[in-house]
Amino acid sequence: METLSYLGQGFGVALSPYNLLTALCGTLIGTVVGLLPGLGPINGVALLIPVAFALGLPPETALILLAAVYLGCEYGGRISSILLNIPGEASAVMTTLDGYPLARQGKAGVALSISAWSSFVGGLIATIGVVLFAPLLARWAVAFGPAEYFVLMVFAITCLAGMAGNKPLKTAIAALLGLFLSCVGIDSNSGVYRFTFGSLGLADGIQFVVLVLGLFSISEILVLLERTHHGQKAIQASGRMLFNLKEGASVLATNLRSGALGFGLGILPGAGATLASAVAYMSEKRLAHKDNQFGKGDLRGLAAPETANSASACGSMVPMLTLGVPGSGTTAVMLGALTLYNITPGPLLFQNQPDIVWGLIASLFIANIMLIVMNVPMIKVFTRILAVPYWALVPAIAIVTAIGVYAVHATTFDLFLMIAIGIFGYLLRKMDFPLSAILLGFILGGLMEQNLRRALSISNGDLGILFASPITWGVWTLIALMVALPFWRAWRARGKQAREQAMTGNA
């Protein structure tokens, strides 16, 4: 009953006319940002942080705006995936596998409406999960001290590598690179300049907005410049604009399974929507009958990643709010936004500032409703927007990115640093390094250093404090499992390959 009372209080905040208008603007901006190749939820949220701060928005309104943009980007990413076979952002990659074939079959309207419905169901399932589990996790998290927080963040880093599929080593290297970048600047304890190379511009460290927009926007601009801009046209939605009851019923079980799976993976620090969409797609493919059409235009193959995307986006709010640990790259950016308002996320946030927390949770319900009401009638509009050629799209992304970075400190140094980071990010992308791991390592690096120093200060330098509580032992066990996971996968793959070769030899 206490939870319902707080939720009612949150709806009182979220349903104020000002916050409703803010959520509506956020969902619209997020949808447009998500559908444009080169931008995505990380960039959309990062670009609006200085805007929200400059407008003097109160913290609860700013969070509602950023959350609405986040959910809107997850909706918008499906549009270019289905119509152009170009994912608007990383988590929409799996959507292309069945979404684009459906569009080629003249079912673009059905595909877009099914994906909108799936995103709505996923967001609804996860938001209910946030209401039920976030307060429980917040009360449990009171037992966390500096040592527990440090070990938890080590777990977040190992989650990245352990769940990275076929490139755990590259993911681990990228995360370590992010940890290194977080060390740039003046050491807050000793006042020593670290890795600044004599540059005063790096004295305050690398700003997270500069890193985000450099890694993602600038590198994406360079990737887009590699592609031809001739003859690239949007596929026009034809025939029915909405799915029928039979089609909706065929994906309902997929929606429910993928929603629960996406929420569970969203809670894990560092997992994110990209992992959730891939796991959901592969899980549904395994459950499907042998005569399935996965990869050729199966509605379940479209519904699974879309449901998991939205569910993971909402689920990633849980570790951010309750533990102060980002559940995804975008919530890592939102965590930085909280620091601008001098808000410390964690278990005490639910006690000290319930209006902010429950207003944000209530706004997730409202934003999901706004998005499905807005998206379905705008299908034809989306196809016209996507007809913009690359020669016009690339300069537009570059201008928006430059404005977003310059607005932070109004220095040209940040612009040149962003370009340098973007070129470096482009090279990493060519070598198939995951850029989101760098961002998560960067955000967690400062927090890890602070908590490690606090823990060692409490124990007078004794590292045993990192193994002194049941929580730390439990998390260290999970870390060991995450480290062992890639090796187990490799051993299993070799065993499977050996069995297949034996069967071929016997035949």
Protein backbone atom coordinates (compact mmCIF):
# COMPACT_ATOMS: atom_id res chain seq x y z
CA MET A 1 0.00 0.00 0.00
CA GLU A 2 2.90 2.35 0.73
CA THR A 3 4.21 1.79 -2.80
CA LEU A 4 0.82 2.63 -4.31
CA SER A 5 0.69 5.79 -2.19
CA TYR A 6 4.09 6.89 -3.47
CA LEU A 7 3.07 6.02 -7.03
CA GLY A 8 -0.05 8.18 -6.66
CA GLN A 9 2.20 10.98 -5.45
CA GLY A 10 4.36 10.44 -8.52
CA PHE A 11 1.38 10.69 -10.86
CA GLY A 12 0.51 13.96 -9.15
CA VAL A 13 3.93 15.25 -10.22
CA ALA A 14 3.91 13.72 -13.72
CA LEU A 15 0.34 14.82 -14.56
CA SER A 16 0.94 18.51 -13.91
CA PRO A 17 0.36 20.46 -17.16
CA TYR A 18 3.99 21.60 -17.33
CA ASN A 19 5.41 18.08 -16.90
CA LEU A 20 2.85 16.60 -19.31
CA LEU A 21 3.93 19.10 -21.98
CA THR A 22 7.57 18.31 -21.21
CA ALA A 23 6.94 14.56 -21.61
CA LEU A 24 5.11 15.15 -24.90
CA CYS A 25 8.00 17.22 -26.26
CA GLY A 26 10.48 14.61 -25.05
CA THR A 27 8.68 11.70 -26.72
CA LEU A 28 8.41 13.61 -30.01
CA ILE A 29 12.08 14.67 -29.96
CA GLY A 30 13.15 11.17 -28.96
CA THR A 31 11.21 9.54 -31.78
CA VAL A 32 12.77 11.85 -34.39
CA VAL A 33 16.28 11.47 -32.92
CA GLY A 34 15.91 7.68 -32.75
CA LEU A 35 14.85 7.27 -36.37
CA LEU A 36 17.76 9.30 -37.76
CA PRO A 37 20.87 7.20 -38.43
CA GLY A 38 23.81 8.55 -36.47
CA LEU A 39 21.80 9.68 -33.49
CA GLY A 40 20.23 7.53 -30.79
CA PRO A 41 19.20 7.54 -27.14
CA ILE A 42 22.70 8.33 -25.85
CA ASN A 43 23.11 11.31 -28.17
CA GLY A 44 19.50 12.42 -27.76
CA VAL A 45 19.77 12.52 -23.97
CA ALA A 46 23.27 14.07 -24.05
CA LEU A 47 22.17 16.86 -26.39
CA LEU A 48 19.21 17.80 -24.19
CA ILE A 49 21.06 17.85 -20.87
CA PRO A 50 22.64 21.31 -21.45
CA VAL A 51 19.30 22.52 -22.85
CA ALA A 52 17.41 21.38 -19.73
CA PHE A 53 20.05 22.93 -17.48
CA ALA A 54 20.11 26.22 -19.43
CA LEU A 55 16.30 26.49 -19.29
CA GLY A 56 16.44 26.11 -15.53
CA LEU A 57 14.10 23.12 -15.46
CA PRO A 58 13.54 21.69 -11.97
CA PRO A 59 15.19 18.28 -11.46
CA GLU A 60 11.98 16.23 -11.66
CA THR A 61 10.97 17.95 -14.92
CA ALA A 62 14.47 17.51 -16.40
CA LEU A 63 14.43 13.79 -15.56
CA ILE A 64 10.95 13.39 -17.07
CA LEU A 65 12.22 15.08 -20.26
CA LEU A 66 15.31 12.85 -20.49
CA ALA A 67 13.36 9.66 -19.73
CA ALA A 68 10.78 10.55 -22.40
CA VAL A 69 13.56 11.17 -24.92
CA TYR A 70 15.13 7.82 -23.97
CA LEU A 71 11.91 5.87 -24.53
CA GLY A 72 11.15 7.85 -27.68
CA CYS A 73 14.56 6.96 -29.13
CA GLU A 74 13.90 3.26 -28.48
CA TYR A 75 10.64 3.66 -30.43
CA GLY A 76 12.24 5.72 -33.19
CA GLY A 77 15.17 3.37 -33.78
CA ARG A 78 12.81 0.76 -35.24
CA ILE A 79 11.57 3.08 -38.02
CA SER A 80 14.76 3.38 -40.05
CA SER A 81 15.52 -0.29 -39.32
CA ILE A 82 12.23 -1.39 -40.90
CA LEU A 83 12.04 1.08 -43.78
CA LEU A 84 15.70 1.52 -44.76
CA ASN A 85 17.46 -1.46 -43.17
CA ILE A 86 19.58 1.11 -41.30
CA PRO A 87 19.37 0.81 -37.50
CA GLY A 88 18.83 4.18 -35.87
CA GLU A 89 20.92 2.89 -32.95
CA ALA A 90 22.65 -0.28 -31.80
CA SER A 91 19.68 -1.89 -30.05
CA ALA A 92 17.66 -1.72 -33.28
CA VAL A 93 20.07 -3.96 -35.21
CA MET A 94 18.00 -7.08 -34.52
CA THR A 95 14.86 -5.28 -35.75
CA THR A 96 16.29 -5.15 -39.26
CA LEU A 97 16.42 -8.95 -39.54
CA ASP A 98 12.66 -9.35 -39.94
CA GLY A 99 11.41 -5.78 -40.09
CA TYR A 100 13.06 -4.90 -43.39
CA PRO A 101 11.92 -8.12 -45.16
CA LEU A 102 8.35 -7.34 -44.04
CA ALA A 103 8.66 -3.85 -45.53
CA ARG A 104 9.99 -5.33 -48.78
CA GLN A 105 6.90 -7.54 -48.88
CA GLY A 106 4.66 -4.44 -48.81
CA LYS A 107 3.85 -4.85 -45.11
CA ALA A 108 5.66 -1.77 -43.86
CA GLY A 109 2.53 -0.43 -42.13
CA VAL A 110 1.91 -3.75 -40.38
CA ALA A 111 5.56 -3.98 -39.34
CA LEU A 112 5.62 -0.43 -37.95
CA SER A 113 2.37 -0.89 -36.03
CA ILE A 114 3.44 -4.27 -34.60
CA SER A 115 6.74 -2.78 -33.49
CA ALA A 116 4.95 0.18 -31.88
CA TRP A 117 2.61 -2.18 -30.01
CA SER A 118 5.51 -4.40 -28.94
CA SER A 119 7.45 -1.40 -27.64
CA PHE A 120 4.37 -0.32 -25.67
CA VAL A 121 3.90 -3.78 -24.11
CA GLY A 122 7.60 -4.03 -23.24
CA GLY A 123 7.61 -0.60 -21.63
CA LEU A 124 4.43 -1.39 -19.68
CA ILE A 125 5.79 -4.70 -18.34
CA ALA A 126 9.07 -3.12 -17.31
CA THR A 127 7.46 -0.07 -15.69
CA ILE A 128 5.29 -2.37 -13.56
CA GLY A 129 8.51 -4.21 -12.67
CA VAL A 130 10.16 -0.92 -11.66
CA VAL A 131 7.20 -0.12 -9.36
CA LEU A 132 7.35 -3.56 -7.74
CA PHE A 133 11.09 -4.11 -7.42
CA ALA A 134 12.80 -0.71 -7.26
CA PRO A 135 11.70 0.07 -3.67
CA LEU A 136 12.71 -3.45 -2.55
CA LEU A 137 16.13 -3.07 -4.12
CA ALA A 138 16.45 0.41 -2.61
CA ARG A 139 15.82 -0.93 0.91
CA TRP A 140 18.29 -3.76 0.33
CA ALA A 141 20.86 -1.32 -1.06
CA VAL A 142 21.04 0.55 2.27
CA ALA A 143 23.42 -2.23 3.35
CA PHE A 144 25.90 -1.15 0.64
CA GLY A 145 29.02 0.62 1.81
CA PRO A 146 32.02 1.87 -0.23
CA ALA A 147 33.48 -1.66 -0.48
CA GLU A 148 30.19 -3.15 -1.70
CA TYR A 149 29.77 -0.37 -4.26
CA PHE A 150 33.29 -0.89 -5.60
CA VAL A 151 32.80 -4.65 -5.98
CA LEU A 152 29.41 -4.04 -7.62
CA MET A 153 31.03 -1.77 -10.21
CA VAL A 154 33.70 -4.39 -10.88
CA PHE A 155 30.78 -6.74 -11.52
CA ALA A 156 29.29 -4.22 -13.97
CA ILE A 157 32.56 -4.17 -15.94
CA THR A 158 32.80 -7.97 -16.01
CA CYS A 159 29.15 -8.17 -17.09
CA LEU A 160 30.11 -6.28 -20.22
CA ALA A 161 32.83 -8.77 -21.15
CA GLY A 162 31.02 -11.88 -19.96
CA MET A 163 27.86 -11.16 -21.92
CA ALA A 164 29.54 -9.77 -25.03
CA GLY A 165 28.92 -12.81 -27.19
CA ASN A 166 31.78 -13.49 -29.57
CA LYS A 167 34.06 -10.57 -28.63
CA PRO A 168 34.56 -10.56 -24.84
CA LEU A 169 38.24 -9.59 -25.11
CA LYS A 170 37.52 -6.49 -27.22
CA THR A 171 34.70 -5.50 -24.87
CA ALA A 172 37.00 -5.85 -21.85
CA ILE A 173 39.70 -3.76 -23.57
CA ALA A 174 37.12 -1.08 -24.43
CA ALA A 175 35.88 -0.97 -20.83
CA LEU A 176 39.46 -0.65 -19.54
CA LEU A 177 40.03 2.17 -22.03
CA GLY A 178 37.00 3.93 -20.55
CA LEU A 179 38.45 3.46 -17.05
CA PHE A 180 41.71 5.04 -18.24
CA LEU A 181 39.91 8.06 -19.74
CA SER A 182 38.12 8.63 -16.43
CA CYS A 183 41.53 9.17 -14.79
CA VAL A 184 42.37 12.19 -16.98
CA GLY A 185 42.43 15.50 -15.06
CA ILE A 186 43.32 16.72 -11.58
CA ASP A 187 43.27 14.11 -8.83
CA SER A 188 40.67 15.39 -6.39
CA ASN A 189 42.65 14.08 -3.37
CA SER A 190 46.25 14.97 -4.14
CA GLY A 191 45.81 17.76 -6.72
CA VAL A 192 48.20 15.98 -9.11
CA TYR A 193 47.63 16.46 -12.86
CA ARG A 194 47.04 13.05 -14.46
CA PHE A 195 47.48 12.40 -18.20
CA THR A 196 46.81 16.05 -19.15
CA PHE A 197 50.05 16.37 -21.22
CA GLY A 198 50.38 19.96 -20.03
CA SER A 199 46.99 21.00 -21.45
CA LEU A 200 44.82 23.20 -19.23
CA GLY A 201 41.80 22.10 -21.26
CA LEU A 202 42.16 18.60 -19.78
CA ALA A 203 42.65 19.80 -16.21
CA ASP A 204 38.98 19.23 -15.40
CA GLY A 205 39.03 15.87 -17.16
CA ILE A 206 37.15 14.82 -20.28
CA GLN A 207 33.53 15.97 -20.10
CA PHE A 208 31.11 13.10 -20.59
CA VAL A 209 29.07 15.03 -23.19
CA VAL A 210 32.25 15.55 -25.26
CA LEU A 211 33.10 11.85 -24.99
CA VAL A 212 29.57 10.69 -25.84
CA LEU A 213 29.12 12.90 -28.88
CA GLY A 214 32.65 12.28 -30.10
CA LEU A 215 32.43 8.49 -29.81
CA PHE A 216 28.95 8.15 -31.26
CA SER A 217 27.96 11.15 -33.41
CA ILE A 218 31.31 12.05 -35.00
CA SER A 219 32.27 8.43 -35.61
CA GLU A 220 28.83 7.78 -37.13
CA ILE A 221 29.24 10.81 -39.43
CA LEU A 222 32.49 9.31 -40.70
CA VAL A 223 30.76 5.95 -41.24
CA LEU A 224 27.91 7.64 -43.14
CA LEU A 225 30.41 9.47 -45.35
CA GLU A 226 31.69 6.06 -46.46
CA ARG A 227 28.30 5.11 -47.85
CA THR A 228 26.83 6.22 -51.11
CA HIS A 229 23.98 8.73 -51.00
CA HIS A 230 22.68 7.98 -54.47
CA GLY A 231 19.45 6.04 -54.96
CA GLN A 232 18.79 5.62 -51.25
CA LYS A 233 15.03 6.06 -50.86
CA ALA A 234 12.59 5.16 -48.14
CA ILE A 235 10.26 2.26 -48.68
CA GLN A 236 6.72 3.60 -48.84
CA ALA A 237 4.28 1.99 -46.44
CA SER A 238 1.52 0.42 -48.50
CA GLY A 239 -1.61 -1.57 -47.79
CA ARG A 240 -2.81 -1.83 -44.17
CA MET A 241 -1.38 0.61 -41.67
CA LEU A 242 -2.38 -1.53 -38.65
CA PHE A 243 -1.97 -5.18 -37.72
CA ASN A 244 -5.12 -7.28 -37.33
CA LEU A 245 -6.23 -9.34 -34.32
CA LYS A 246 -4.76 -12.56 -35.71
CA GLU A 247 -1.35 -10.96 -36.13
CA GLY A 248 -1.55 -9.38 -32.69
CA ALA A 249 -2.46 -12.71 -31.08
CA SER A 250 0.42 -14.46 -32.84
CA VAL A 251 2.99 -12.22 -31.11
CA LEU A 252 1.32 -11.87 -27.69
CA ALA A 253 3.28 -14.71 -26.05
CA THR A 254 6.46 -13.33 -27.61
CA ASN A 255 5.67 -9.90 -26.15
CA LEU A 256 5.21 -11.30 -22.65
CA ARG A 257 8.35 -13.46 -22.70
CA SER A 258 10.55 -10.80 -24.27
CA GLY A 259 9.21 -8.10 -21.94
CA ALA A 260 10.13 -10.10 -18.83
CA LEU A 261 13.51 -11.03 -20.33
CA GLY A 262 14.27 -7.43 -21.36
CA PHE A 263 13.41 -6.11 -17.90
CA GLY A 264 15.62 -8.71 -16.23
CA LEU A 265 18.58 -7.90 -18.48
CA GLY A 266 17.92 -4.17 -18.11
CA ILE A 267 18.42 -4.41 -14.36
CA LEU A 268 21.90 -5.91 -14.85
CA PRO A 269 24.52 -3.13 -14.80
CA GLY A 270 26.00 -2.72 -18.25
CA ALA A 271 23.76 -5.18 -20.11
CA GLY A 272 21.63 -2.65 -21.99
CA ALA A 273 19.02 -2.83 -24.72
CA THR A 274 21.43 -4.14 -27.37
CA LEU A 275 22.07 -7.33 -25.42
CA ALA A 276 18.38 -7.63 -24.46
CA SER A 277 17.19 -7.42 -28.08
CA ALA A 278 19.73 -10.00 -29.25
CA VAL A 279 18.95 -12.48 -26.44
CA ALA A 280 15.19 -12.06 -26.93
CA TYR A 281 15.46 -12.63 -30.69
CA MET A 282 17.60 -15.75 -30.34
CA SER A 283 15.38 -17.12 -27.56
CA GLU A 284 12.24 -16.75 -29.68
CA LYS A 285 14.00 -18.28 -32.66
CA ARG A 286 14.85 -21.35 -30.58
CA LEU A 287 11.26 -21.64 -29.34
CA ALA A 288 9.77 -21.31 -32.83
CA HIS A 289 8.75 -24.29 -34.95
CA LYS A 290 11.08 -25.56 -37.65
CA ASP A 291 8.93 -23.95 -40.36
CA ASN A 292 9.46 -20.44 -38.93
CA GLN A 293 10.27 -17.48 -41.17
CA PHE A 294 12.83 -15.81 -38.90
CA GLY A 295 15.08 -13.64 -41.03
CA LYS A 296 12.55 -13.60 -43.87
CA GLY A 297 9.76 -11.53 -42.32
CA ASP A 298 8.45 -13.30 -39.21
CA LEU A 299 6.32 -11.06 -36.98
CA ARG A 300 7.71 -12.78 -33.88
CA GLY A 301 11.24 -11.92 -35.03
CA LEU A 302 10.16 -8.27 -35.14
CA ALA A 303 8.16 -8.27 -31.90
CA ALA A 304 10.84 -9.93 -29.74
CA PRO A 305 13.65 -7.34 -30.04
CA GLU A 306 11.23 -4.41 -29.98
CA THR A 307 9.58 -5.58 -26.77
CA ALA A 308 12.95 -6.30 -25.16
CA ASN A 309 14.33 -2.89 -26.23
CA SER A 310 11.66 -0.91 -24.40
CA ALA A 311 11.59 -3.25 -21.41
CA SER A 312 15.36 -2.98 -21.03
CA ALA A 313 15.23 0.82 -21.32
CA CYS A 314 12.80 1.02 -18.39
CA GLY A 315 14.57 -1.71 -16.44
CA SER A 316 17.91 0.10 -16.68
CA MET A 317 16.39 2.86 -14.52
CA VAL A 318 16.37 0.49 -11.52
CA PRO A 319 20.15 0.20 -10.90
CA MET A 320 20.60 3.89 -11.76
CA LEU A 321 18.06 5.07 -9.16
CA THR A 322 18.65 2.49 -6.43
CA LEU A 323 22.40 1.82 -6.61
CA GLY A 324 23.78 4.77 -8.56
CA VAL A 325 25.12 2.32 -11.15
CA PRO A 326 24.05 2.85 -14.79
CA GLY A 327 22.17 -0.03 -16.34
CA SER A 328 22.98 1.11 -19.90
CA GLY A 329 24.97 3.69 -21.82
CA THR A 330 22.01 6.08 -21.84
CA THR A 331 21.38 5.82 -18.11
CA ALA A 332 25.11 6.47 -17.67
CA VAL A 333 24.50 9.81 -19.40
CA MET A 334 21.40 10.40 -17.23
CA LEU A 335 23.54 9.67 -14.18
CA GLY A 336 25.78 12.52 -15.26
CA ALA A 337 22.71 14.74 -15.57
CA LEU A 338 21.76 13.98 -11.97
CA THR A 339 25.15 15.22 -10.80
CA LEU A 340 24.50 18.57 -12.51
CA TYR A 341 21.54 18.98 -10.17
CA ASN A 342 23.60 17.83 -7.14
CA ILE A 343 21.40 14.74 -6.79
CA THR A 344 23.07 11.59 -5.52
CA PRO A 345 21.29 8.47 -6.81
CA GLY A 346 21.05 5.58 -4.41
CA PRO A 347 18.78 4.05 -1.78
CA LEU A 348 18.39 7.30 0.16
CA LEU A 349 17.01 9.01 -2.94
CA PHE A 350 13.72 7.14 -2.42
CA GLN A 351 13.52 8.48 1.13
CA ASN A 352 14.85 12.01 0.72
CA GLN A 353 13.42 12.99 -2.68
CA PRO A 354 10.42 10.75 -3.45
CA ASP A 355 8.85 13.35 -5.76
CA ILE A 356 11.77 13.03 -8.17
CA VAL A 357 11.88 9.23 -8.14
CA TRP A 358 8.16 8.49 -8.28
CA GLY A 359 7.48 11.36 -10.66
CA LEU A 360 10.00 9.75 -13.04
CA ILE A 361 8.44 6.28 -12.63
CA ALA A 362 4.92 7.63 -13.23
CA SER A 363 6.15 9.50 -16.30
CA LEU A 364 7.30 6.16 -17.80
CA PHE A 365 3.65 5.02 -17.89
CA ILE A 366 2.56 8.32 -19.42
CA ALA A 367 5.38 8.43 -22.01
CA ASN A 368 4.57 4.89 -23.18
CA ILE A 369 0.92 5.84 -23.78
CA MET A 370 1.95 9.05 -25.56
CA LEU A 371 4.35 7.15 -27.81
CA ILE A 372 1.90 4.57 -29.09
CA VAL A 373 -0.81 7.19 -29.63
CA MET A 374 1.68 9.39 -31.48
CA ASN A 375 3.55 6.78 -33.50
CA VAL A 376 0.77 4.87 -35.25
CA PRO A 377 -0.83 7.89 -37.03
CA MET A 378 2.63 9.20 -38.05
CA ILE A 379 3.77 6.19 -40.06
CA LYS A 380 3.48 8.00 -43.41
CA VAL A 381 5.25 11.04 -42.00
CA PHE A 382 8.18 8.92 -40.89
CA THR A 383 8.68 7.54 -44.40
CA ARG A 384 8.93 11.10 -45.75
CA ILE A 385 11.49 12.11 -43.12
CA LEU A 386 13.64 9.11 -44.00
CA ALA A 387 13.79 10.19 -47.62
CA VAL A 388 16.38 12.81 -46.61
CA PRO A 389 19.60 11.99 -48.51
CA TYR A 390 22.90 11.55 -46.71
CA TRP A 391 24.36 14.75 -48.18
CA ALA A 392 21.78 16.70 -46.16
CA LEU A 393 21.67 14.36 -43.15
CA VAL A 394 25.40 14.39 -42.35
CA PRO A 395 25.75 18.21 -42.04
CA ALA A 396 22.60 18.34 -39.91
CA ILE A 397 24.03 15.76 -37.46
CA ALA A 398 27.35 17.63 -37.40
CA ILE A 399 25.69 20.98 -36.60
CA VAL A 400 23.51 19.55 -33.83
CA THR A 401 26.51 17.74 -32.32
CA ALA A 402 28.73 20.84 -32.37
CA ILE A 403 26.03 22.95 -30.71
CA GLY A 404 25.53 20.29 -28.03
CA VAL A 405 29.24 20.25 -27.11
CA TYR A 406 29.84 24.01 -27.35
CA ALA A 407 26.86 24.69 -25.07
CA VAL A 408 28.56 22.92 -22.13
CA HIS A 409 31.60 25.19 -21.56
CA ALA A 410 31.58 27.43 -24.65
CA THR A 411 35.19 26.48 -25.52
CA THR A 412 36.62 25.54 -28.89
CA PHE A 413 38.97 23.09 -27.13
CA ASP A 414 35.98 20.82 -26.43
CA LEU A 415 35.07 20.89 -30.14
CA PHE A 416 38.57 19.83 -31.24
CA LEU A 417 38.70 17.21 -28.49
CA MET A 418 35.33 15.84 -29.63
CA ILE A 419 36.61 15.56 -33.22
CA ALA A 420 39.77 13.76 -32.06
CA ILE A 421 37.71 11.35 -29.94
CA GLY A 422 35.35 10.84 -32.90
CA ILE A 423 38.20 9.88 -35.22
CA PHE A 424 39.54 7.50 -32.57
CA GLY A 425 36.02 6.08 -32.11
CA TYR A 426 35.72 5.60 -35.88
CA LEU A 427 38.94 3.56 -35.92
CA LEU A 428 37.69 1.47 -33.00
CA ARG A 429 34.42 0.82 -34.84
CA LYS A 430 36.35 -0.35 -37.90
CA MET A 431 38.13 -2.82 -35.60
CA ASP A 432 34.78 -3.91 -34.12
CA PHE A 433 35.30 -2.55 -30.60
CA PRO A 434 32.03 -1.75 -28.76
CA LEU A 435 31.94 1.98 -28.04
CA SER A 436 29.24 1.66 -25.37
CA ALA A 437 31.72 -0.30 -23.22
CA ILE A 438 34.10 2.69 -23.30
CA LEU A 439 31.33 4.98 -22.10
CA LEU A 440 30.32 2.67 -19.26
CA GLY A 441 33.94 2.24 -18.21
CA PHE A 442 34.36 6.03 -18.21
CA ILE A 443 31.28 6.65 -16.06
CA LEU A 444 32.07 3.84 -13.63
CA GLY A 445 35.76 4.75 -13.41
CA GLY A 446 35.28 7.85 -11.28
CA LEU A 447 32.77 6.11 -9.02
CA MET A 448 35.04 3.07 -8.61
CA GLU A 449 38.00 5.24 -7.66
CA GLN A 450 36.00 7.23 -5.09
CA ASN A 451 34.52 4.16 -3.43
CA LEU A 452 37.82 2.25 -3.39
CA ARG A 453 39.54 5.18 -1.68
CA ARG A 454 36.74 5.49 0.87
CA ALA A 455 36.85 1.76 1.61
CA LEU A 456 40.64 1.76 2.04
CA SER A 457 40.39 4.86 4.21
CA ILE A 458 37.93 3.06 6.51
CA SER A 459 40.17 -0.04 6.72
CA ASN A 460 43.47 1.89 6.97
CA GLY A 461 44.61 0.46 3.65
CA ASP A 462 43.61 -3.15 4.29
CA LEU A 463 42.29 -4.73 1.07
CA GLY A 464 40.49 -7.34 3.15
CA ILE A 465 37.56 -4.93 3.45
CA LEU A 466 36.67 -5.83 -0.15
CA PHE A 467 35.94 -9.40 1.06
CA ALA A 468 34.56 -8.63 4.52
CA SER A 469 30.78 -8.87 4.05
CA PRO A 470 28.33 -11.45 2.66
CA ILE A 471 27.33 -8.99 -0.06
CA THR A 472 30.89 -8.62 -1.34
CA TRP A 473 31.38 -12.41 -1.30
CA GLY A 474 28.13 -12.86 -3.25
CA VAL A 475 29.14 -10.27 -5.85
CA TRP A 476 32.68 -11.70 -6.15
CA THR A 477 31.05 -15.07 -6.87
CA LEU A 478 29.00 -13.49 -9.65
CA ILE A 479 32.16 -11.84 -10.99
CA ALA A 480 33.90 -15.22 -11.14
CA LEU A 481 30.93 -16.66 -13.05
CA MET A 482 30.99 -13.75 -15.50
CA VAL A 483 34.73 -14.23 -16.08
CA ALA A 484 34.23 -17.96 -16.64
CA LEU A 485 31.26 -17.49 -19.00
CA PRO A 486 33.28 -16.67 -22.18
CA PHE A 487 35.56 -19.68 -21.58
CA TRP A 488 32.54 -21.95 -21.06
CA ARG A 489 31.01 -20.67 -24.28
CA ALA A 490 34.24 -21.32 -26.19
CA TRP A 491 34.51 -24.85 -24.73
CA ARG A 492 30.88 -25.56 -25.62
CA ALA A 493 31.36 -24.27 -29.18
CA ARG A 494 34.45 -26.47 -29.67
CA GLY A 495 32.54 -29.49 -28.35
CA LYS A 496 29.66 -28.81 -30.72
CA GLN A 497 32.05 -28.42 -33.64
CA ALA A 498 33.80 -31.69 -32.75
CA ARG A 499 30.47 -33.56 -32.61
CA GLU A 500 29.45 -32.16 -35.99
CA GLN A 501 32.77 -33.23 -37.52
CA ALA A 502 32.38 -36.71 -36.02
CA MET A 503 28.86 -37.02 -37.45
CA THR A 504 30.11 -35.86 -40.86
CA GLY A 505 32.94 -38.44 -40.73
CA ASN A 506 30.55 -41.26 -39.81
CA ALA A 507 28.25 -40.30 -42.65
